Amino acid sequence: MGNNLPFEKKSVVVSALCEGASICGIGRMTGMHERSAVVVERFGGKTVWVGVVESFALTGDPKAKRCYAWSYQDKGEIQYVSVPEIPPVVSPETAVKVAIVNDVKLGEIT
């Protein structure tokens, strides 16, 4: 699993993440892309997630100054995830961990 893309397509992906993950355009909140980070999440000695997490600096949100977003495919559909940087989320890695734990709690991952 992964979402590595050639550099020339990166801006299209970042734009899609902004729209798909609802980072930009919610009320008065906007996001500016800061960086991309490769994240590998392991649990119990197994790799459970590999992908590129995009970091966005937020303006207009009183609680979060940053947001992390990524996409993945599920049953042929592109899904978008966005996680605000509010503790315990402090990095792309912790954003992925929190999203996985949330999916487990919701029964979306067994």
N, C-alpha and C. Protein backbone atom coordinates (compact mmCIF):
# COMPACT_ATOMS: atom_id res chain seq x y z
N MET A 1 0.85 -1.17 0.00
CA MET A 1 0.00 0.00 0.00
C MET A 1 0.89 1.23 0.00
N GLY A 2 0.52 2.25 -0.72
CA GLY A 2 1.28 3.48 -0.74
C GLY A 2 0.68 4.44 -1.73
N ASN A 3 1.16 5.65 -1.72
CA ASN A 3 0.65 6.63 -2.66
C ASN A 3 1.77 7.50 -3.21
N ASN A 4 2.87 6.88 -3.63
CA ASN A 4 3.98 7.62 -4.21
C ASN A 4 3.62 8.04 -5.63
N LEU A 5 3.84 9.32 -5.94
CA LEU A 5 3.53 9.85 -7.26
C LEU A 5 4.70 10.65 -7.78
N PRO A 6 4.81 10.75 -9.12
CA PRO A 6 5.84 11.62 -9.67
C PRO A 6 5.62 13.06 -9.21
N PHE A 7 6.69 13.82 -9.12
CA PHE A 7 6.62 15.20 -8.63
C PHE A 7 5.61 16.04 -9.39
N GLU A 8 5.55 15.91 -10.72
CA GLU A 8 4.66 16.76 -11.51
C GLU A 8 3.19 16.56 -11.19
N LYS A 9 2.84 15.42 -10.61
CA LYS A 9 1.44 15.18 -10.25
C LYS A 9 1.14 15.56 -8.81
N LYS A 10 2.17 15.91 -8.05
CA LYS A 10 1.98 16.20 -6.63
C LYS A 10 1.03 17.37 -6.38
N SER A 11 1.12 18.44 -7.17
CA SER A 11 0.25 19.59 -6.93
C SER A 11 -1.21 19.23 -7.16
N VAL A 12 -1.49 18.34 -8.11
CA VAL A 12 -2.86 17.90 -8.34
C VAL A 12 -3.37 17.12 -7.13
N VAL A 13 -2.51 16.27 -6.58
CA VAL A 13 -2.90 15.48 -5.41
C VAL A 13 -3.13 16.38 -4.21
N VAL A 14 -2.25 17.34 -4.00
CA VAL A 14 -2.41 18.26 -2.87
C VAL A 14 -3.72 19.03 -3.01
N SER A 15 -4.03 19.48 -4.20
CA SER A 15 -5.28 20.19 -4.44
C SER A 15 -6.48 19.29 -4.16
N ALA A 16 -6.42 18.05 -4.62
CA ALA A 16 -7.51 17.10 -4.38
C ALA A 16 -7.66 16.81 -2.90
N LEU A 17 -6.54 16.70 -2.18
CA LEU A 17 -6.62 16.49 -0.74
C LEU A 17 -7.29 17.66 -0.05
N CYS A 18 -6.95 18.87 -0.47
CA CYS A 18 -7.59 20.05 0.12
C CYS A 18 -9.10 19.98 -0.04
N GLU A 19 -9.53 19.64 -1.24
CA GLU A 19 -10.97 19.58 -1.49
C GLU A 19 -11.59 18.33 -0.90
N GLY A 20 -10.98 17.18 -1.13
CA GLY A 20 -11.56 15.92 -0.68
C GLY A 20 -11.56 15.76 0.82
N ALA A 21 -10.52 16.21 1.48
CA ALA A 21 -10.43 16.08 2.93
C ALA A 21 -11.05 17.28 3.63
N SER A 22 -11.62 18.18 2.86
CA SER A 22 -12.28 19.37 3.40
C SER A 22 -11.35 20.21 4.26
N ILE A 23 -10.12 20.36 3.83
CA ILE A 23 -9.19 21.19 4.58
C ILE A 23 -9.47 22.66 4.30
N CYS A 24 -9.61 22.99 3.03
CA CYS A 24 -9.85 24.38 2.66
C CYS A 24 -11.34 24.62 2.49
N GLY A 25 -11.73 25.84 2.76
CA GLY A 25 -13.10 26.23 2.45
C GLY A 25 -14.13 25.89 3.50
N ILE A 26 -13.75 25.43 4.68
CA ILE A 26 -14.73 25.21 5.74
C ILE A 26 -14.87 26.53 6.48
N GLY A 27 -15.98 27.16 6.34
CA GLY A 27 -16.17 28.45 6.99
C GLY A 27 -15.07 29.40 6.57
N ARG A 28 -14.30 29.86 7.53
CA ARG A 28 -13.22 30.80 7.24
C ARG A 28 -11.85 30.15 7.31
N MET A 29 -11.82 28.84 7.45
CA MET A 29 -10.53 28.15 7.57
C MET A 29 -9.94 27.89 6.19
N THR A 30 -8.63 28.13 6.06
CA THR A 30 -7.92 27.81 4.83
C THR A 30 -6.63 27.08 5.19
N GLY A 31 -6.10 26.37 4.23
CA GLY A 31 -4.87 25.62 4.46
C GLY A 31 -3.86 25.85 3.36
N MET A 32 -2.59 25.99 3.74
CA MET A 32 -1.50 26.13 2.78
C MET A 32 -0.57 24.94 2.93
N HIS A 33 -0.27 24.28 1.83
CA HIS A 33 0.57 23.10 1.88
C HIS A 33 1.96 23.46 2.39
N GLU A 34 2.44 22.67 3.37
CA GLU A 34 3.78 22.88 3.92
C GLU A 34 4.77 21.85 3.42
N ARG A 35 4.41 20.56 3.56
CA ARG A 35 5.35 19.52 3.18
C ARG A 35 4.65 18.19 3.04
N SER A 36 5.39 17.23 2.49
CA SER A 36 4.93 15.85 2.36
C SER A 36 5.86 14.97 3.18
N ALA A 37 5.30 14.00 3.88
CA ALA A 37 6.11 13.11 4.71
C ALA A 37 5.70 11.66 4.47
N VAL A 38 6.68 10.81 4.26
CA VAL A 38 6.40 9.39 4.14
C VAL A 38 6.23 8.84 5.55
N VAL A 39 5.14 8.12 5.76
CA VAL A 39 4.87 7.53 7.08
C VAL A 39 4.71 6.03 6.91
N VAL A 40 5.38 5.29 7.77
CA VAL A 40 5.25 3.83 7.82
C VAL A 40 4.79 3.50 9.23
N GLU A 41 3.60 2.95 9.35
CA GLU A 41 3.05 2.60 10.67
C GLU A 41 3.11 1.09 10.86
N ARG A 42 3.74 0.69 11.95
CA ARG A 42 3.87 -0.74 12.25
C ARG A 42 3.17 -1.04 13.57
N PHE A 43 2.61 -2.24 13.64
CA PHE A 43 1.96 -2.70 14.87
C PHE A 43 2.17 -4.19 14.99
N GLY A 44 2.64 -4.64 16.14
CA GLY A 44 2.86 -6.07 16.34
C GLY A 44 3.85 -6.66 15.36
N GLY A 45 4.84 -5.89 14.96
CA GLY A 45 5.85 -6.39 14.03
C GLY A 45 5.44 -6.40 12.58
N LYS A 46 4.22 -5.92 12.29
CA LYS A 46 3.72 -5.88 10.91
C LYS A 46 3.52 -4.44 10.46
N THR A 47 3.73 -4.21 9.18
CA THR A 47 3.43 -2.90 8.61
C THR A 47 1.93 -2.85 8.35
N VAL A 48 1.26 -1.86 8.96
CA VAL A 48 -0.18 -1.75 8.80
C VAL A 48 -0.60 -0.60 7.88
N TRP A 49 0.34 0.33 7.64
CA TRP A 49 0.02 1.45 6.75
C TRP A 49 1.31 2.06 6.24
N VAL A 50 1.34 2.38 4.94
CA VAL A 50 2.45 3.09 4.33
C VAL A 50 1.85 4.11 3.39
N GLY A 51 2.29 5.35 3.49
CA GLY A 51 1.77 6.37 2.58
C GLY A 51 2.44 7.71 2.78
N VAL A 52 2.00 8.66 1.99
CA VAL A 52 2.50 10.02 2.08
C VAL A 52 1.43 10.88 2.74
N VAL A 53 1.82 11.56 3.81
CA VAL A 53 0.92 12.44 4.53
C VAL A 53 1.29 13.87 4.19
N GLU A 54 0.29 14.64 3.78
CA GLU A 54 0.51 16.05 3.45
C GLU A 54 0.22 16.89 4.69
N SER A 55 1.09 17.88 4.95
CA SER A 55 0.91 18.80 6.07
C SER A 55 0.47 20.15 5.53
N PHE A 56 -0.55 20.73 6.18
CA PHE A 56 -1.08 22.02 5.79
C PHE A 56 -1.07 22.96 6.99
N ALA A 57 -0.57 24.17 6.79
CA ALA A 57 -0.66 25.21 7.82
C ALA A 57 -2.06 25.80 7.71
N LEU A 58 -2.76 25.90 8.84
CA LEU A 58 -4.13 26.40 8.84
C LEU A 58 -4.18 27.84 9.32
N THR A 59 -5.12 28.57 8.76
CA THR A 59 -5.46 29.88 9.28
C THR A 59 -6.97 29.89 9.47
N GLY A 60 -7.41 30.56 10.50
CA GLY A 60 -8.84 30.66 10.73
C GLY A 60 -9.41 29.59 11.64
N ASP A 61 -8.59 28.71 12.17
CA ASP A 61 -9.06 27.69 13.12
C ASP A 61 -8.51 28.05 14.49
N PRO A 62 -9.37 28.22 15.48
CA PRO A 62 -8.90 28.64 16.80
C PRO A 62 -8.12 27.57 17.56
N LYS A 63 -8.29 26.30 17.22
CA LYS A 63 -7.64 25.21 17.96
C LYS A 63 -6.43 24.62 17.26
N ALA A 64 -6.52 24.44 15.95
CA ALA A 64 -5.45 23.76 15.21
C ALA A 64 -4.71 24.74 14.31
N LYS A 65 -3.40 24.68 14.37
CA LYS A 65 -2.56 25.52 13.50
C LYS A 65 -2.07 24.73 12.29
N ARG A 66 -2.33 23.42 12.31
CA ARG A 66 -1.86 22.55 11.23
C ARG A 66 -2.87 21.40 11.07
N CYS A 67 -2.88 20.84 9.87
CA CYS A 67 -3.74 19.70 9.58
C CYS A 67 -2.95 18.73 8.71
N TYR A 68 -3.20 17.44 8.89
CA TYR A 68 -2.54 16.40 8.11
C TYR A 68 -3.60 15.69 7.27
N ALA A 69 -3.25 15.36 6.04
CA ALA A 69 -4.23 14.72 5.15
C ALA A 69 -3.56 13.72 4.23
N TRP A 70 -4.35 12.70 3.86
CA TRP A 70 -3.89 11.69 2.91
C TRP A 70 -5.11 11.04 2.29
N SER A 71 -4.85 10.26 1.27
CA SER A 71 -5.94 9.52 0.62
C SER A 71 -5.55 8.06 0.52
N TYR A 72 -6.57 7.23 0.33
CA TYR A 72 -6.35 5.80 0.11
C TYR A 72 -7.55 5.26 -0.66
N GLN A 73 -7.38 4.07 -1.23
CA GLN A 73 -8.48 3.45 -1.95
C GLN A 73 -9.12 2.38 -1.11
N ASP A 74 -10.46 2.37 -1.11
CA ASP A 74 -11.23 1.35 -0.40
C ASP A 74 -12.36 0.90 -1.32
N LYS A 75 -12.32 -0.34 -1.72
CA LYS A 75 -13.33 -0.90 -2.61
C LYS A 75 -13.46 -0.09 -3.89
N GLY A 76 -12.31 0.34 -4.43
CA GLY A 76 -12.30 1.08 -5.69
C GLY A 76 -12.62 2.56 -5.57
N GLU A 77 -12.93 3.04 -4.39
CA GLU A 77 -13.27 4.45 -4.17
C GLU A 77 -12.13 5.14 -3.44
N ILE A 78 -11.81 6.36 -3.86
CA ILE A 78 -10.80 7.14 -3.15
C ILE A 78 -11.42 7.74 -1.90
N GLN A 79 -10.78 7.49 -0.78
CA GLN A 79 -11.21 8.03 0.50
C GLN A 79 -10.19 9.08 0.94
N TYR A 80 -10.66 10.14 1.57
CA TYR A 80 -9.79 11.20 2.04
C TYR A 80 -9.87 11.28 3.55
N VAL A 81 -8.72 11.52 4.17
CA VAL A 81 -8.64 11.62 5.62
C VAL A 81 -7.95 12.94 5.96
N SER A 82 -8.50 13.66 6.91
CA SER A 82 -7.82 14.84 7.43
C SER A 82 -7.89 14.80 8.95
N VAL A 83 -6.79 15.15 9.58
CA VAL A 83 -6.69 15.11 11.03
C VAL A 83 -6.04 16.41 11.50
N PRO A 84 -6.75 17.19 12.32
CA PRO A 84 -6.15 18.43 12.81
C PRO A 84 -5.05 18.17 13.83
N GLU A 85 -4.08 19.06 13.88
CA GLU A 85 -2.99 18.94 14.84
C GLU A 85 -3.45 19.49 16.19
N ILE A 86 -4.15 18.65 16.92
CA ILE A 86 -4.60 18.94 18.28
C ILE A 86 -4.14 17.75 19.11
N PRO A 87 -3.38 18.00 20.20
CA PRO A 87 -2.84 16.87 20.98
C PRO A 87 -3.92 15.83 21.29
N PRO A 88 -3.59 14.55 21.08
CA PRO A 88 -2.25 13.97 20.99
C PRO A 88 -1.62 14.01 19.60
N VAL A 89 -2.31 14.58 18.62
CA VAL A 89 -1.73 14.67 17.27
C VAL A 89 -0.74 15.83 17.23
N VAL A 90 0.54 15.49 16.96
CA VAL A 90 1.59 16.50 16.92
C VAL A 90 2.51 16.34 15.70
N SER A 91 2.20 15.35 14.83
CA SER A 91 3.06 15.06 13.69
C SER A 91 2.28 14.22 12.68
N PRO A 92 2.82 14.06 11.47
CA PRO A 92 2.16 13.17 10.51
C PRO A 92 2.01 11.75 11.05
N GLU A 93 3.02 11.29 11.78
CA GLU A 93 2.98 9.92 12.32
C GLU A 93 1.87 9.75 13.35
N THR A 94 1.73 10.73 14.24
CA THR A 94 0.67 10.60 15.25
C THR A 94 -0.71 10.79 14.63
N ALA A 95 -0.79 11.57 13.55
CA ALA A 95 -2.08 11.71 12.85
C ALA A 95 -2.54 10.37 12.29
N VAL A 96 -1.61 9.63 11.69
CA VAL A 96 -1.95 8.30 11.16
C VAL A 96 -2.35 7.36 12.28
N LYS A 97 -1.60 7.36 13.39
CA LYS A 97 -1.94 6.49 14.52
C LYS A 97 -3.34 6.79 15.05
N VAL A 98 -3.65 8.07 15.24
CA VAL A 98 -4.97 8.45 15.75
C VAL A 98 -6.07 8.04 14.78
N ALA A 99 -5.84 8.20 13.48
CA ALA A 99 -6.84 7.81 12.49
C ALA A 99 -7.07 6.30 12.50
N ILE A 100 -5.99 5.52 12.63
CA ILE A 100 -6.13 4.06 12.69
C ILE A 100 -6.89 3.64 13.94
N VAL A 101 -6.55 4.22 15.08
CA VAL A 101 -7.24 3.89 16.34
C VAL A 101 -8.72 4.25 16.22
N ASN A 102 -9.02 5.39 15.62
CA ASN A 102 -10.41 5.80 15.44
C ASN A 102 -11.16 4.80 14.56
N ASP A 103 -10.54 4.36 13.46
CA ASP A 103 -11.17 3.38 12.59
C ASP A 103 -11.42 2.06 13.30
N VAL A 104 -10.48 1.65 14.16
CA VAL A 104 -10.67 0.42 14.93
C VAL A 104 -11.85 0.57 15.88
N LYS A 105 -11.92 1.72 16.56
CA LYS A 105 -13.03 1.97 17.49
C LYS A 105 -14.38 1.98 16.79
N LEU A 106 -14.39 2.49 15.55
CA LEU A 106 -15.63 2.54 14.77
C LEU A 106 -15.96 1.21 14.10
N GLY A 107 -15.06 0.24 14.23
CA GLY A 107 -15.28 -1.07 13.63
C GLY A 107 -14.97 -1.12 12.15
N GLU A 108 -14.32 -0.09 11.62
CA GLU A 108 -13.97 -0.07 10.20
C GLU A 108 -12.74 -0.89 9.91
N ILE A 109 -11.93 -1.14 10.95
CA ILE A 109 -10.76 -2.01 10.85
C ILE A 109 -10.87 -3.05 11.94
N THR A 110 -10.65 -4.30 11.58
CA THR A 110 -10.72 -5.35 12.62
C THR A 110 -9.37 -5.93 12.88
